[in-house]
Protein backbone atom coordinates (compact mmCIF):
# COMPACT_ATOMS: atom_id res chain seq x y z
CA MET A 1 103.91 94.84 43.34
CA LYS A 2 104.21 92.80 40.18
CA LEU A 3 103.59 89.10 40.55
CA PRO A 4 104.63 86.31 38.20
CA ALA A 5 102.04 84.48 36.16
CA PRO A 6 99.52 82.56 38.33
CA ALA A 7 100.77 79.17 39.50
CA VAL A 8 98.82 76.07 38.61
CA GLY A 9 96.36 75.10 41.33
CA THR A 10 93.26 76.17 43.18
CA PRO A 11 93.34 78.22 46.39
CA THR A 12 92.75 75.99 49.39
CA LEU A 13 90.26 76.58 52.17
CA ASP A 14 93.18 77.01 54.55
CA GLN A 15 94.62 79.80 52.39
CA LEU A 16 91.25 81.57 52.31
CA GLN A 17 90.94 81.27 56.09
CA VAL A 18 94.42 82.73 56.57
CA PHE A 19 93.65 85.56 54.11
CA LEU A 20 90.50 86.51 56.02
CA ALA A 21 92.29 86.24 59.37
CA VAL A 22 94.97 88.70 58.23
CA ALA A 23 92.37 91.04 56.73
CA GLU A 24 90.39 91.07 59.98
CA ALA A 25 93.33 91.13 62.41
CA GLY A 26 95.27 93.78 60.51
CA SER A 27 98.66 92.08 60.66
CA PHE A 28 100.38 88.79 59.99
CA ALA A 29 101.47 88.52 63.63
CA ALA A 30 97.96 89.11 65.01
CA ALA A 31 96.50 86.60 62.56
CA ALA A 32 99.18 84.08 63.55
CA ARG A 33 98.26 84.44 67.23
CA GLN A 34 94.58 84.04 66.37
CA LEU A 35 95.25 80.92 64.29
CA LYS A 36 97.90 79.61 66.73
CA ARG A 37 100.54 79.40 64.00
CA ALA A 38 103.95 80.88 63.33
CA THR A 39 103.98 84.28 61.63
CA SER A 40 106.19 82.86 58.89
CA ALA A 41 103.58 80.16 58.14
CA VAL A 42 100.87 82.79 57.78
CA SER A 43 103.07 84.92 55.52
CA TYR A 44 103.88 81.86 53.38
CA GLN A 45 100.18 81.02 52.87
CA ILE A 46 99.45 84.58 51.75
CA ASP A 47 102.40 84.52 49.36
CA GLN A 48 101.17 81.23 47.85
CA LEU A 49 97.61 82.54 47.51
CA GLU A 50 98.80 85.67 45.73
CA LEU A 51 100.94 83.58 43.38
CA GLN A 52 98.03 81.28 42.52
CA LEU A 53 95.71 84.21 41.85
CA GLY A 54 98.31 86.40 40.18
CA LEU A 55 97.12 89.32 42.29
CA ALA A 56 98.52 91.36 45.14
CA LEU A 57 95.98 91.04 47.95
CA PHE A 58 97.85 93.25 50.44
CA ASP A 59 99.83 96.46 49.97
CA ARG A 60 103.01 96.10 52.04
CA SER A 61 104.88 99.14 50.69
CA ALA A 62 103.24 102.08 52.45
CA THR A 63 103.33 100.74 56.01
CA ARG A 64 104.74 97.94 58.09
CA ARG A 65 101.21 96.67 58.61
CA PRO A 66 99.63 94.95 55.58
CA VAL A 67 96.74 96.92 54.06
CA LEU A 68 94.19 95.32 51.78
CA ALA A 69 94.92 96.16 48.17
CA PRO A 70 92.00 96.84 45.77
CA ALA A 71 92.09 93.18 44.66
CA GLY A 72 92.02 92.05 48.29
CA ILE A 73 89.03 94.25 49.02
CA ALA A 74 87.21 92.87 45.98
CA LEU A 75 87.95 89.22 46.85
CA ARG A 76 87.32 89.44 50.60
CA ALA A 77 83.54 89.08 50.25
CA GLU A 78 83.98 86.18 47.80
CA ALA A 79 86.25 84.36 50.24
CA GLN A 80 83.74 84.88 53.05
CA SER A 81 80.97 83.52 50.82
CA VAL A 82 83.01 80.41 49.94
CA LEU A 83 83.74 79.63 53.58
CA ARG A 84 80.09 80.16 54.58
CA GLY A 85 79.08 77.76 51.82
CA ILE A 86 81.53 75.14 53.09
CA ASP A 87 80.20 75.55 56.63
CA ALA A 88 76.65 75.11 55.37
CA LEU A 89 77.68 72.02 53.39
CA ARG A 90 79.29 70.48 56.46
CA ALA A 91 76.25 71.26 58.60
CA ARG A 92 73.90 69.72 56.05
CA ALA A 93 76.06 66.61 55.72
CA ALA A 94 76.11 66.23 59.51
CA GLY A 95 72.33 66.55 59.57
CA LEU A 96 71.90 63.90 56.90
CA LEU A 97 74.09 61.51 58.86
CA THR A 98 71.73 61.89 61.82
CA GLY A 99 68.60 61.39 59.69
CA LEU A 100 67.73 65.08 59.23
CA GLU A 101 65.97 65.83 55.96
CA ALA A 102 67.68 67.93 53.29
CA GLU A 103 64.28 69.41 52.43
CA VAL A 104 60.74 69.41 53.80
CA SER A 105 57.84 69.83 51.40
CA LEU A 106 54.83 71.45 53.10
CA ALA A 107 51.38 72.07 51.62
CA VAL A 108 48.94 74.44 53.31
CA ASP A 109 45.31 75.28 52.76
CA VAL A 110 44.81 78.79 51.41
CA MET A 111 42.46 79.45 54.35
CA LEU A 112 45.30 79.06 56.88
CA PRO A 113 45.94 82.49 58.43
CA ALA A 114 49.13 84.06 57.08
CA ALA A 115 50.27 84.83 60.62
CA ARG A 116 50.31 81.12 61.51
CA LEU A 117 52.29 80.21 58.39
CA ALA A 118 54.79 83.04 58.95
CA ASP A 119 55.27 82.03 62.60
CA ALA A 120 55.97 78.41 61.67
CA ALA A 121 58.30 79.30 58.77
CA ARG A 122 60.30 81.81 60.83
CA ALA A 123 60.75 79.38 63.73
CA PHE A 124 61.58 76.52 61.34
CA GLN A 125 64.32 78.57 59.70
CA ALA A 126 65.86 79.30 63.09
CA ALA A 127 65.63 75.68 64.27
CA PHE A 128 66.78 74.03 61.01
CA PRO A 129 68.97 76.47 59.05
CA THR A 130 70.31 73.69 56.79
CA VAL A 131 66.91 72.29 55.79
CA ALA A 132 65.13 73.81 52.80
CA LEU A 133 61.38 74.35 53.01
CA ARG A 134 59.33 73.85 49.84
CA LEU A 135 55.89 75.41 50.21
CA HIS A 136 52.71 74.66 48.25
CA VAL A 137 49.52 76.69 48.78
CA GLU A 138 46.31 75.09 47.51
CA SER A 139 42.63 74.95 48.31
CA LEU A 140 40.20 72.24 49.36
CA GLY A 141 41.01 68.71 48.18
CA ALA A 142 44.11 69.79 46.24
CA VAL A 143 46.01 70.04 49.54
CA THR A 144 45.27 66.42 50.44
CA GLN A 145 46.04 65.33 46.88
CA LEU A 146 49.58 66.70 47.15
CA VAL A 147 50.22 64.47 50.18
CA LEU A 148 48.60 61.40 48.64
CA ASP A 149 50.71 61.88 45.49
CA GLY A 150 53.89 62.17 47.56
CA ILE A 151 54.60 65.73 46.41
CA ALA A 152 54.22 67.12 49.94
CA ALA A 153 55.50 65.27 52.99
CA ILE A 154 53.07 66.99 55.34
CA ALA A 155 50.16 69.40 54.95
CA VAL A 156 47.82 71.63 56.86
CA SER A 157 44.57 70.67 55.17
CA GLY A 158 41.02 71.86 55.48
CA PRO A 159 38.14 69.42 56.12
CA LEU A 160 39.03 66.00 54.72
CA ARG A 161 36.64 64.56 52.15
CA GLY A 162 38.69 61.75 50.65
CA GLY A 163 41.78 59.59 51.11
CA ALA A 164 41.50 59.68 54.90
CA GLU A 165 42.20 55.94 55.20
CA LEU A 166 45.73 56.52 53.82
CA LEU A 167 46.51 59.44 56.09
CA GLU A 168 47.52 60.15 59.65
CA GLN A 169 45.73 63.29 60.79
CA ARG A 170 45.84 65.67 63.73
CA ALA A 171 43.48 68.56 64.41
CA VAL A 172 45.31 71.90 64.47
CA GLY A 173 42.58 74.48 64.94
CA GLU A 174 40.07 76.20 62.71
CA VAL A 175 39.00 79.54 61.28
CA GLU A 176 35.56 81.10 61.17
CA LEU A 177 34.14 81.69 57.70
CA VAL A 178 31.86 84.70 57.45
CA PRO A 179 29.64 85.54 54.44
CA VAL A 180 30.33 89.07 53.22
CA ALA A 181 29.42 91.46 50.41
CA ALA A 182 30.24 95.02 49.40
CA PRO A 183 28.10 97.76 51.04
CA ASP A 184 26.23 98.46 47.78
CA HIS A 185 25.31 94.80 47.21
CA PRO A 186 21.54 94.11 47.46
CA LEU A 187 22.06 91.62 50.32
CA ALA A 188 24.13 94.12 52.32
CA GLY A 189 21.37 96.72 52.31
CA ARG A 190 18.90 94.49 54.12
CA ARG A 191 18.78 94.55 57.90
CA ARG A 192 16.91 91.26 57.98
CA LEU A 193 17.33 88.54 55.37
CA GLU A 194 14.83 85.81 54.74
CA PRO A 195 15.87 82.16 54.21
CA GLY A 196 16.70 81.56 50.55
CA GLU A 197 17.34 85.20 49.57
CA ALA A 198 21.04 84.56 48.96
CA ARG A 199 20.17 81.96 46.32
CA ALA A 200 19.09 84.69 43.91
CA HIS A 201 22.50 86.38 43.89
CA ILE A 202 25.84 85.27 42.46
CA GLN A 203 28.02 83.53 45.05
CA LEU A 204 31.79 83.62 44.64
CA VAL A 205 33.18 80.17 45.41
CA LEU A 206 36.69 78.75 45.59
CA SER A 207 37.14 76.13 42.90
CA ASP A 208 38.65 72.74 43.71
CA ARG A 209 41.47 71.81 41.35
CA SER A 210 41.77 68.30 42.74
CA PRO A 211 40.20 65.15 41.26
CA LEU A 212 39.97 63.89 44.83
CA THR A 213 36.92 66.06 45.58
CA ALA A 214 35.92 67.16 42.09
CA GLY A 215 32.27 68.05 41.82
CA GLN A 216 31.79 68.48 45.56
CA ASP A 217 30.60 71.84 46.85
CA PHE A 218 31.73 73.46 50.09
CA GLY A 219 29.36 76.01 51.59
CA VAL A 220 27.52 76.74 48.34
CA LEU A 221 24.02 78.16 48.77
CA ALA A 222 23.35 80.12 45.57
CA ALA A 223 21.93 78.79 42.35
CA ARG A 224 24.49 80.82 40.37
CA THR A 225 28.18 80.70 41.22
CA TRP A 226 31.44 82.08 39.95
CA ARG A 227 34.32 79.65 40.53
CA ILE A 228 37.63 81.23 41.47
CA ALA A 229 40.89 79.39 42.11
CA ASP A 230 42.61 82.14 44.12
CA LEU A 231 41.45 83.47 47.50
CA SER A 232 42.99 86.92 46.99
CA ALA A 233 41.17 87.24 43.66
CA LYS A 234 37.93 86.29 45.39
CA HIS A 235 38.61 88.96 48.02
CA ALA A 236 39.18 91.59 45.29
CA LEU A 237 35.93 90.69 43.52
CA LEU A 238 33.99 90.88 46.78
CA LEU A 239 35.39 94.36 47.42
CA ALA A 240 34.35 95.30 43.89
CA GLY A 241 30.74 94.31 44.63
CA ILE A 242 30.67 91.32 42.30
CA GLY A 243 28.61 88.77 44.16
CA TRP A 244 28.82 87.62 47.77
CA GLY A 245 30.86 84.89 49.38
CA SER A 246 32.49 83.58 52.53
CA MET A 247 35.96 84.56 53.72
CA PRO A 248 38.07 83.75 56.78
CA ARG A 249 37.09 86.35 59.37
CA ALA A 250 40.70 87.33 60.05
CA MET A 251 41.13 88.28 56.38
CA VAL A 252 38.12 90.61 56.27
CA GLU A 253 37.93 92.02 59.81
CA ALA A 254 39.64 95.25 58.74
CA ASP A 255 37.35 95.53 55.69
CA ILE A 256 34.25 95.08 57.84
CA ALA A 257 35.49 97.61 60.40
CA ALA A 258 36.22 100.15 57.64
CA GLY A 259 32.89 99.56 55.89
CA ARG A 260 34.44 98.14 52.74
CA LEU A 261 32.57 94.86 53.32
CA VAL A 262 29.45 93.96 55.28
CA ALA A 263 28.97 90.71 57.21
CA LEU A 264 25.75 89.07 56.03
CA GLY A 265 23.34 87.53 58.52
CA LEU A 266 22.21 84.62 56.36
CA PRO A 267 19.71 82.46 58.27
CA GLU A 268 20.90 79.30 56.54
CA TRP A 269 24.63 79.90 57.00
CA PRO A 270 26.04 77.35 59.49
CA SER A 271 27.90 78.87 62.42
CA VAL A 272 30.77 76.37 62.26
CA GLY A 273 34.46 76.80 61.70
CA TYR A 274 36.66 75.64 58.84
CA ALA A 275 38.72 72.95 60.56
CA PHE A 276 42.41 72.33 59.84
CA HIS A 277 44.19 68.98 60.05
CA LEU A 278 47.90 68.24 59.91
CA ILE A 279 48.23 65.21 57.63
CA HIS A 280 50.88 62.88 56.23
CA ARG A 281 50.80 59.47 54.58
CA THR A 282 50.67 56.52 56.97
CA ASP A 283 53.36 54.71 54.95
CA THR A 284 55.73 57.70 54.94
CA PRO A 285 56.52 58.80 58.50
CA PRO A 286 57.85 62.37 58.67
CA GLY A 287 61.50 63.00 59.51
CA PRO A 288 62.77 65.09 62.44
CA ALA A 289 62.31 68.50 60.80
CA ALA A 290 58.83 67.64 59.49
CA ARG A 291 57.82 66.33 62.92
CA TRP A 292 59.03 69.60 64.44
CA LEU A 293 56.75 71.51 62.04
CA ILE A 294 53.80 69.32 63.02
CA GLU A 295 54.39 70.14 66.68
CA ARG A 296 54.72 73.85 65.88
CA PHE A 297 51.33 73.99 64.18
CA ALA A 298 49.80 71.96 67.01
CA ALA A 299 51.28 74.34 69.60
CA GLN A 300 49.77 77.29 67.74
CA SER A 301 46.37 75.63 67.97
CA ASP A 302 46.82 74.89 71.67
CA ARG A 303 47.76 78.53 72.39
CA ARG A 304 44.72 79.83 70.52
CA ALA A 305 42.45 77.40 72.38
CA ALA A 306 43.89 78.52 75.71
CA GLN A 307 43.36 82.19 74.81
CA HIS A 308 39.67 81.56 74.05
CA ALA A 309 39.04 79.28 77.03
């Protein structure tokens, strides 16, 4: 079927909807019943679409029922993508009219268990499919700094050391930090450690990239330290036997069980958890989607507390 040169104009959404209806229903008559229109109106829309594109979308010569031509097969997925995009645009616009954010910026402490973050992100995507989530992962005071600077709307922060007067905060659980070393490390070979022994060995410590808490140490016992900005890099160096350091227990449980790391019984190590707080600026109340995330993290904490009660 040879078509004349493409007509001036852009295919309309209605034409794309009719095209997909015919492709899925298998006939103009079935598509017309589905769309509650006359068959002639459906046929006219297809004719106009083919004229505008300069392509035959259906092969009508071999059978009485229209069959997608190669061009129709190629453009079907594009038409579906365009209509999905329009639906998403309409949903987002409707959300904005009701006060729903277009995007939520979330910062989390690197110590937050990955399972908690994945649970919240998965549920958030299901609850707010039109809202984008921008995620920042930082350590120590850098998490709080992102909120204070307005880069993140909300954050799951570790222990707060500064800026608390500008923040609303809510406790959302904790993790246990356990000092560990590789099996061949001098501290790991001792059944009983004396107070102060760890000071003589290099301690791997997360560095704080925030001016908010610059110069402050968190759980540092050794006289010599290596500062590392990434928790996974710290984990790799511990496995390699380079120094000792603390890690969230959930991250090293498998290593301890397999003998790749050894939990150190340091007499001076405090048996306290690394507490998390959900924070946001007092002068910038979170929107509906951000508030939902806050409640999700709080519910996680409540479930964990109930399990250990």
